[in-house]
N, C-alpha and C. Protein backbone atom coordinates (compact mmCIF):
# COMPACT_ATOMS: atom_id res chain seq x y z
N GLY A 1 38.72 -72.97 -95.63
CA GLY A 1 38.47 -74.37 -95.38
C GLY A 1 37.01 -74.61 -95.05
N GLY A 2 36.72 -75.83 -94.71
CA GLY A 2 35.36 -76.21 -94.37
C GLY A 2 35.28 -77.68 -94.06
N ALA A 3 34.07 -78.21 -94.07
CA ALA A 3 33.85 -79.62 -93.76
C ALA A 3 34.46 -80.50 -94.83
N GLY A 4 34.93 -81.68 -94.44
CA GLY A 4 35.51 -82.58 -95.41
C GLY A 4 35.79 -83.94 -94.83
N LEU A 5 36.49 -84.75 -95.61
CA LEU A 5 36.89 -86.06 -95.16
C LEU A 5 38.25 -86.39 -95.75
N SER A 6 38.94 -87.35 -95.13
CA SER A 6 40.27 -87.73 -95.61
C SER A 6 40.45 -89.23 -95.46
N LEU A 7 41.41 -89.77 -96.20
CA LEU A 7 41.71 -91.19 -96.20
C LEU A 7 43.22 -91.36 -96.36
N ARG A 8 43.82 -92.10 -95.47
CA ARG A 8 45.25 -92.39 -95.57
C ARG A 8 45.43 -93.62 -96.45
N ALA A 9 46.35 -93.53 -97.42
CA ALA A 9 46.67 -94.63 -98.33
C ALA A 9 48.19 -94.77 -98.39
N GLY A 10 48.76 -95.60 -97.53
CA GLY A 10 50.21 -95.75 -97.47
C GLY A 10 50.85 -94.47 -96.97
N GLN A 11 51.77 -93.90 -97.74
CA GLN A 11 52.44 -92.65 -97.38
C GLN A 11 51.61 -91.41 -97.74
N ALA A 12 50.48 -91.61 -98.43
CA ALA A 12 49.67 -90.47 -98.90
C ALA A 12 48.46 -90.23 -98.02
N LEU A 13 48.05 -88.98 -97.96
CA LEU A 13 46.80 -88.58 -97.32
C LEU A 13 45.96 -87.89 -98.40
N CYS A 14 44.83 -88.49 -98.75
CA CYS A 14 43.94 -87.93 -99.76
C CYS A 14 42.73 -87.32 -99.06
N TYR A 15 42.19 -86.24 -99.63
CA TYR A 15 41.14 -85.50 -98.94
C TYR A 15 40.17 -84.87 -99.92
N GLY A 16 38.99 -84.58 -99.42
CA GLY A 16 37.98 -83.79 -100.10
C GLY A 16 37.44 -82.81 -99.08
N GLN A 17 37.23 -81.56 -99.48
CA GLN A 17 36.85 -80.54 -98.51
C GLN A 17 36.02 -79.46 -99.18
N SER A 18 35.00 -78.98 -98.46
CA SER A 18 34.30 -77.79 -98.94
C SER A 18 35.25 -76.61 -98.75
N HIS A 19 35.13 -75.62 -99.62
CA HIS A 19 36.10 -74.53 -99.61
C HIS A 19 35.40 -73.23 -99.98
N SER A 20 35.81 -72.14 -99.36
CA SER A 20 35.31 -70.82 -99.73
C SER A 20 36.43 -69.81 -99.52
N ASP A 21 36.36 -68.71 -100.26
CA ASP A 21 37.34 -67.64 -100.07
C ASP A 21 36.73 -66.29 -100.42
N LEU A 22 37.40 -65.25 -100.00
CA LEU A 22 37.00 -63.87 -100.26
C LEU A 22 38.26 -63.11 -100.63
N ARG A 23 38.25 -62.43 -101.77
CA ARG A 23 39.42 -61.70 -102.25
C ARG A 23 39.05 -60.24 -102.49
N GLY A 24 40.04 -59.38 -102.35
CA GLY A 24 39.86 -57.97 -102.65
C GLY A 24 41.09 -57.43 -103.34
N GLY A 25 40.90 -56.41 -104.19
CA GLY A 25 42.04 -55.79 -104.85
C GLY A 25 41.66 -55.14 -106.15
N GLY A 26 42.50 -54.23 -106.60
CA GLY A 26 42.23 -53.47 -107.81
C GLY A 26 42.24 -54.30 -109.08
N GLY A 27 42.88 -55.47 -109.08
CA GLY A 27 42.93 -56.32 -110.26
C GLY A 27 41.65 -57.10 -110.51
N LEU A 28 40.71 -57.05 -109.59
CA LEU A 28 39.44 -57.77 -109.74
C LEU A 28 38.39 -56.84 -110.34
N ASP A 29 37.43 -57.41 -111.08
CA ASP A 29 36.43 -56.61 -111.82
C ASP A 29 35.77 -55.53 -110.97
N LYS A 30 35.22 -55.86 -109.85
CA LYS A 30 34.52 -54.89 -109.01
C LYS A 30 35.29 -54.61 -107.73
N GLY A 31 36.57 -55.00 -107.71
CA GLY A 31 37.39 -54.77 -106.53
C GLY A 31 37.28 -55.86 -105.48
N TRP A 32 36.42 -56.85 -105.72
CA TRP A 32 36.26 -57.96 -104.78
C TRP A 32 35.73 -59.17 -105.53
N GLU A 33 35.87 -60.36 -104.92
CA GLU A 33 35.20 -61.55 -105.40
C GLU A 33 35.13 -62.57 -104.27
N ALA A 34 34.09 -63.37 -104.28
CA ALA A 34 33.90 -64.44 -103.30
C ALA A 34 33.69 -65.73 -104.07
N GLY A 35 34.13 -66.83 -103.49
CA GLY A 35 33.97 -68.12 -104.14
C GLY A 35 33.59 -69.20 -103.15
N THR A 36 32.82 -70.18 -103.63
CA THR A 36 32.49 -71.34 -102.81
C THR A 36 32.46 -72.57 -103.70
N GLY A 37 32.92 -73.69 -103.16
CA GLY A 37 32.97 -74.92 -103.94
C GLY A 37 33.66 -76.02 -103.18
N ALA A 38 34.50 -76.78 -103.88
CA ALA A 38 35.16 -77.94 -103.27
C ALA A 38 36.58 -78.06 -103.77
N ARG A 39 37.40 -78.76 -102.97
CA ARG A 39 38.74 -79.11 -103.41
C ARG A 39 39.02 -80.55 -103.02
N ILE A 40 39.78 -81.24 -103.87
CA ILE A 40 40.21 -82.60 -103.60
C ILE A 40 41.70 -82.68 -103.89
N GLY A 41 42.38 -83.57 -103.19
CA GLY A 41 43.81 -83.69 -103.43
C GLY A 41 44.44 -84.80 -102.61
N CYS A 42 45.73 -84.96 -102.81
CA CYS A 42 46.53 -85.91 -102.05
C CYS A 42 47.87 -85.26 -101.74
N THR A 43 48.42 -85.60 -100.59
CA THR A 43 49.74 -85.13 -100.19
C THR A 43 50.45 -86.29 -99.51
N GLY A 44 51.77 -86.28 -99.55
CA GLY A 44 52.49 -87.38 -98.92
C GLY A 44 53.98 -87.14 -98.91
N GLY A 45 54.68 -88.06 -98.28
CA GLY A 45 56.13 -88.00 -98.20
C GLY A 45 56.76 -89.07 -99.05
N ILE A 46 58.03 -88.88 -99.36
CA ILE A 46 58.80 -89.86 -100.14
C ILE A 46 59.88 -90.40 -99.21
N ALA A 47 59.52 -91.41 -98.41
CA ALA A 47 60.42 -91.93 -97.37
C ALA A 47 61.72 -92.48 -97.95
N ALA A 48 61.68 -93.02 -99.16
CA ALA A 48 62.89 -93.61 -99.77
C ALA A 48 63.97 -92.56 -100.02
N LEU A 49 63.60 -91.28 -100.10
CA LEU A 49 64.58 -90.21 -100.34
C LEU A 49 64.96 -89.47 -99.07
N SER A 50 64.59 -90.01 -97.92
CA SER A 50 64.84 -89.34 -96.65
C SER A 50 66.16 -89.78 -96.03
N ALA A 51 66.95 -88.80 -95.59
CA ALA A 51 68.19 -89.10 -94.88
C ALA A 51 67.92 -89.43 -93.42
N SER A 52 66.82 -88.91 -92.87
CA SER A 52 66.45 -89.19 -91.48
C SER A 52 64.94 -89.14 -91.34
N PRO A 53 64.37 -89.90 -90.39
CA PRO A 53 62.90 -89.92 -90.22
C PRO A 53 62.34 -88.52 -89.97
N GLY A 54 61.21 -88.23 -90.63
CA GLY A 54 60.54 -86.95 -90.45
C GLY A 54 61.10 -85.84 -91.33
N HIS A 55 62.10 -86.12 -92.15
CA HIS A 55 62.69 -85.10 -93.02
C HIS A 55 62.65 -85.52 -94.48
N GLU A 56 61.58 -86.21 -94.87
CA GLU A 56 61.48 -86.66 -96.25
C GLU A 56 60.92 -85.56 -97.14
N PRO A 57 61.25 -85.59 -98.44
CA PRO A 57 60.59 -84.68 -99.38
C PRO A 57 59.09 -84.94 -99.37
N ARG A 58 58.29 -83.89 -99.58
CA ARG A 58 56.84 -83.99 -99.57
C ARG A 58 56.29 -83.55 -100.93
N TRP A 59 55.19 -84.13 -101.35
CA TRP A 59 54.55 -83.78 -102.61
C TRP A 59 53.07 -83.45 -102.37
N LEU A 60 52.49 -82.74 -103.33
CA LEU A 60 51.08 -82.34 -103.26
C LEU A 60 50.51 -82.27 -104.66
N ILE A 61 49.28 -82.75 -104.81
CA ILE A 61 48.50 -82.49 -106.02
C ILE A 61 47.08 -82.17 -105.54
N GLU A 62 46.51 -81.07 -106.06
CA GLU A 62 45.21 -80.60 -105.58
C GLU A 62 44.44 -79.96 -106.72
N GLN A 63 43.12 -80.19 -106.75
CA GLN A 63 42.24 -79.57 -107.73
C GLN A 63 41.12 -78.87 -106.97
N ARG A 64 40.83 -77.61 -107.36
CA ARG A 64 39.74 -76.83 -106.75
C ARG A 64 38.78 -76.37 -107.83
N SER A 65 37.52 -76.37 -107.49
CA SER A 65 36.49 -75.78 -108.35
C SER A 65 35.65 -74.86 -107.47
N LEU A 66 35.62 -73.57 -107.81
CA LEU A 66 34.88 -72.58 -107.03
C LEU A 66 33.92 -71.81 -107.94
N TYR A 67 32.70 -71.59 -107.46
CA TYR A 67 31.76 -70.72 -108.15
C TYR A 67 32.00 -69.30 -107.64
N ARG A 68 32.34 -68.38 -108.55
CA ARG A 68 32.74 -67.03 -108.18
C ARG A 68 31.62 -66.01 -108.36
N LEU A 69 31.51 -65.12 -107.39
CA LEU A 69 30.62 -63.96 -107.47
C LEU A 69 31.49 -62.71 -107.36
N PRO A 70 31.23 -61.61 -107.99
CA PRO A 70 30.04 -61.26 -108.75
C PRO A 70 30.06 -61.72 -110.20
N SER A 71 31.10 -62.41 -110.67
CA SER A 71 31.17 -62.81 -112.08
C SER A 71 30.21 -63.94 -112.44
N SER A 72 29.66 -64.65 -111.45
CA SER A 72 28.75 -65.78 -111.69
C SER A 72 29.35 -66.79 -112.65
N ALA A 73 30.60 -67.18 -112.39
CA ALA A 73 31.30 -68.12 -113.25
C ALA A 73 32.12 -69.09 -112.41
N TRP A 74 32.37 -70.27 -112.97
CA TRP A 74 33.21 -71.26 -112.30
C TRP A 74 34.68 -70.96 -112.56
N ALA A 75 35.50 -71.19 -111.56
CA ALA A 75 36.96 -71.10 -111.70
C ALA A 75 37.52 -72.45 -111.24
N HIS A 76 38.43 -73.00 -112.03
CA HIS A 76 39.05 -74.29 -111.72
C HIS A 76 40.55 -74.08 -111.59
N GLU A 77 41.15 -74.74 -110.62
CA GLU A 77 42.59 -74.59 -110.38
C GLU A 77 43.22 -75.94 -110.11
N LEU A 78 44.38 -76.18 -110.72
CA LEU A 78 45.18 -77.37 -110.46
C LEU A 78 46.50 -76.91 -109.86
N ARG A 79 46.89 -77.53 -108.76
CA ARG A 79 48.12 -77.15 -108.08
C ARG A 79 48.92 -78.42 -107.80
N THR A 80 50.21 -78.39 -108.09
CA THR A 80 51.08 -79.52 -107.80
C THR A 80 52.42 -78.97 -107.31
N GLY A 81 53.04 -79.69 -106.39
CA GLY A 81 54.28 -79.17 -105.84
C GLY A 81 55.12 -80.24 -105.18
N LEU A 82 56.36 -79.87 -104.91
CA LEU A 82 57.33 -80.71 -104.23
C LEU A 82 58.07 -79.84 -103.22
N GLN A 83 58.18 -80.33 -102.00
CA GLN A 83 58.88 -79.59 -100.94
C GLN A 83 60.06 -80.42 -100.45
N LEU A 84 61.26 -79.83 -100.49
CA LEU A 84 62.49 -80.52 -100.11
C LEU A 84 63.03 -79.93 -98.82
N PRO A 85 63.18 -80.74 -97.76
CA PRO A 85 63.69 -80.23 -96.49
C PRO A 85 65.17 -79.85 -96.60
N MET A 86 65.55 -78.81 -95.87
CA MET A 86 66.94 -78.35 -95.82
C MET A 86 67.30 -78.13 -94.36
N GLY A 87 67.44 -79.20 -93.61
CA GLY A 87 67.69 -79.07 -92.18
C GLY A 87 66.37 -79.04 -91.43
N GLY A 88 66.44 -78.79 -90.13
CA GLY A 88 65.25 -78.84 -89.29
C GLY A 88 64.27 -77.72 -89.47
N GLU A 89 64.70 -76.52 -89.84
CA GLU A 89 63.79 -75.37 -89.89
C GLU A 89 63.65 -74.73 -91.27
N GLN A 90 64.11 -75.39 -92.33
CA GLN A 90 64.06 -74.79 -93.66
C GLN A 90 63.63 -75.82 -94.70
N ALA A 91 63.08 -75.32 -95.81
CA ALA A 91 62.71 -76.18 -96.93
C ALA A 91 62.64 -75.34 -98.20
N LEU A 92 62.83 -75.99 -99.34
CA LEU A 92 62.60 -75.39 -100.65
C LEU A 92 61.30 -75.97 -101.19
N ARG A 93 60.48 -75.12 -101.79
CA ARG A 93 59.21 -75.58 -102.37
C ARG A 93 59.14 -75.16 -103.83
N LEU A 94 58.93 -76.13 -104.72
CA LEU A 94 58.71 -75.89 -106.13
C LEU A 94 57.24 -76.20 -106.39
N GLU A 95 56.51 -75.23 -106.96
CA GLU A 95 55.07 -75.40 -107.13
C GLU A 95 54.63 -74.89 -108.50
N PHE A 96 53.72 -75.63 -109.14
CA PHE A 96 53.10 -75.19 -110.38
C PHE A 96 51.60 -75.08 -110.13
N ARG A 97 51.03 -73.97 -110.57
CA ARG A 97 49.59 -73.72 -110.39
C ARG A 97 49.02 -73.26 -111.72
N ARG A 98 47.90 -73.86 -112.12
CA ARG A 98 47.20 -73.48 -113.35
C ARG A 98 45.76 -73.18 -112.99
N GLU A 99 45.28 -72.00 -113.38
CA GLU A 99 43.91 -71.59 -113.09
C GLU A 99 43.16 -71.38 -114.40
N TRP A 100 41.99 -72.01 -114.51
CA TRP A 100 41.12 -71.84 -115.68
C TRP A 100 39.93 -71.00 -115.27
N ARG A 101 39.82 -69.85 -115.88
CA ARG A 101 38.68 -68.95 -115.69
C ARG A 101 38.64 -68.05 -116.91
N GLU A 102 37.97 -66.93 -116.86
CA GLU A 102 37.87 -66.06 -118.03
C GLU A 102 39.25 -65.68 -118.56
N ASP A 103 40.18 -65.38 -117.67
CA ASP A 103 41.56 -65.08 -118.05
C ASP A 103 42.46 -66.11 -117.36
N SER A 104 42.89 -67.13 -118.11
CA SER A 104 43.68 -68.22 -117.53
C SER A 104 45.02 -67.72 -117.02
N LEU A 105 45.52 -68.40 -116.00
CA LEU A 105 46.77 -68.01 -115.36
C LEU A 105 47.57 -69.26 -115.03
N SER A 106 48.86 -69.26 -115.37
CA SER A 106 49.77 -70.33 -114.98
C SER A 106 50.92 -69.71 -114.21
N VAL A 107 51.30 -70.33 -113.09
CA VAL A 107 52.37 -69.81 -112.25
C VAL A 107 53.29 -70.96 -111.86
N LEU A 108 54.59 -70.78 -112.06
CA LEU A 108 55.60 -71.69 -111.57
C LEU A 108 56.39 -70.91 -110.54
N SER A 109 56.48 -71.44 -109.32
CA SER A 109 57.16 -70.68 -108.27
C SER A 109 58.16 -71.56 -107.53
N LEU A 110 59.20 -70.92 -107.04
CA LEU A 110 60.20 -71.55 -106.19
C LEU A 110 60.26 -70.72 -104.92
N GLY A 111 60.05 -71.36 -103.78
CA GLY A 111 60.02 -70.63 -102.52
C GLY A 111 60.96 -71.23 -101.50
N TRP A 112 61.41 -70.40 -100.60
CA TRP A 112 62.23 -70.82 -99.46
C TRP A 112 61.38 -70.64 -98.22
N LEU A 113 61.23 -71.69 -97.44
CA LEU A 113 60.43 -71.65 -96.22
C LEU A 113 61.35 -71.69 -95.03
N ARG A 114 61.10 -70.85 -94.07
CA ARG A 114 61.87 -70.82 -92.82
C ARG A 114 60.87 -70.95 -91.68
N TYR A 115 60.99 -72.02 -90.92
CA TYR A 115 60.08 -72.27 -89.80
C TYR A 115 60.72 -71.74 -88.53
N PHE A 116 59.94 -71.07 -87.69
CA PHE A 116 60.45 -70.58 -86.41
C PHE A 116 59.36 -70.57 -85.38
């Protein structure tokens, strides 16, 4: 994360933020990479589909652009998702992520979240 700003628009919260990350692993060219750039997005709830206050489905759409080292190249990522509450401490999350870089990657995931 980093410095940023946000604006509430009805049920949505839209934001812009400076962003940086550091990754390591054998799948990376030199075993590591660092990135810096920005991300913008909006997130919000769908109150009309809520059975009780505070338990509405939530949505997210986010775009990131990071300049990566040591490859000296831009990487762009689009992420969108929907989170459905399942009681007070659980939720299902469906998310699609598309990354544009030298080797493009698309991921569709379904996750179960347990809060404790």
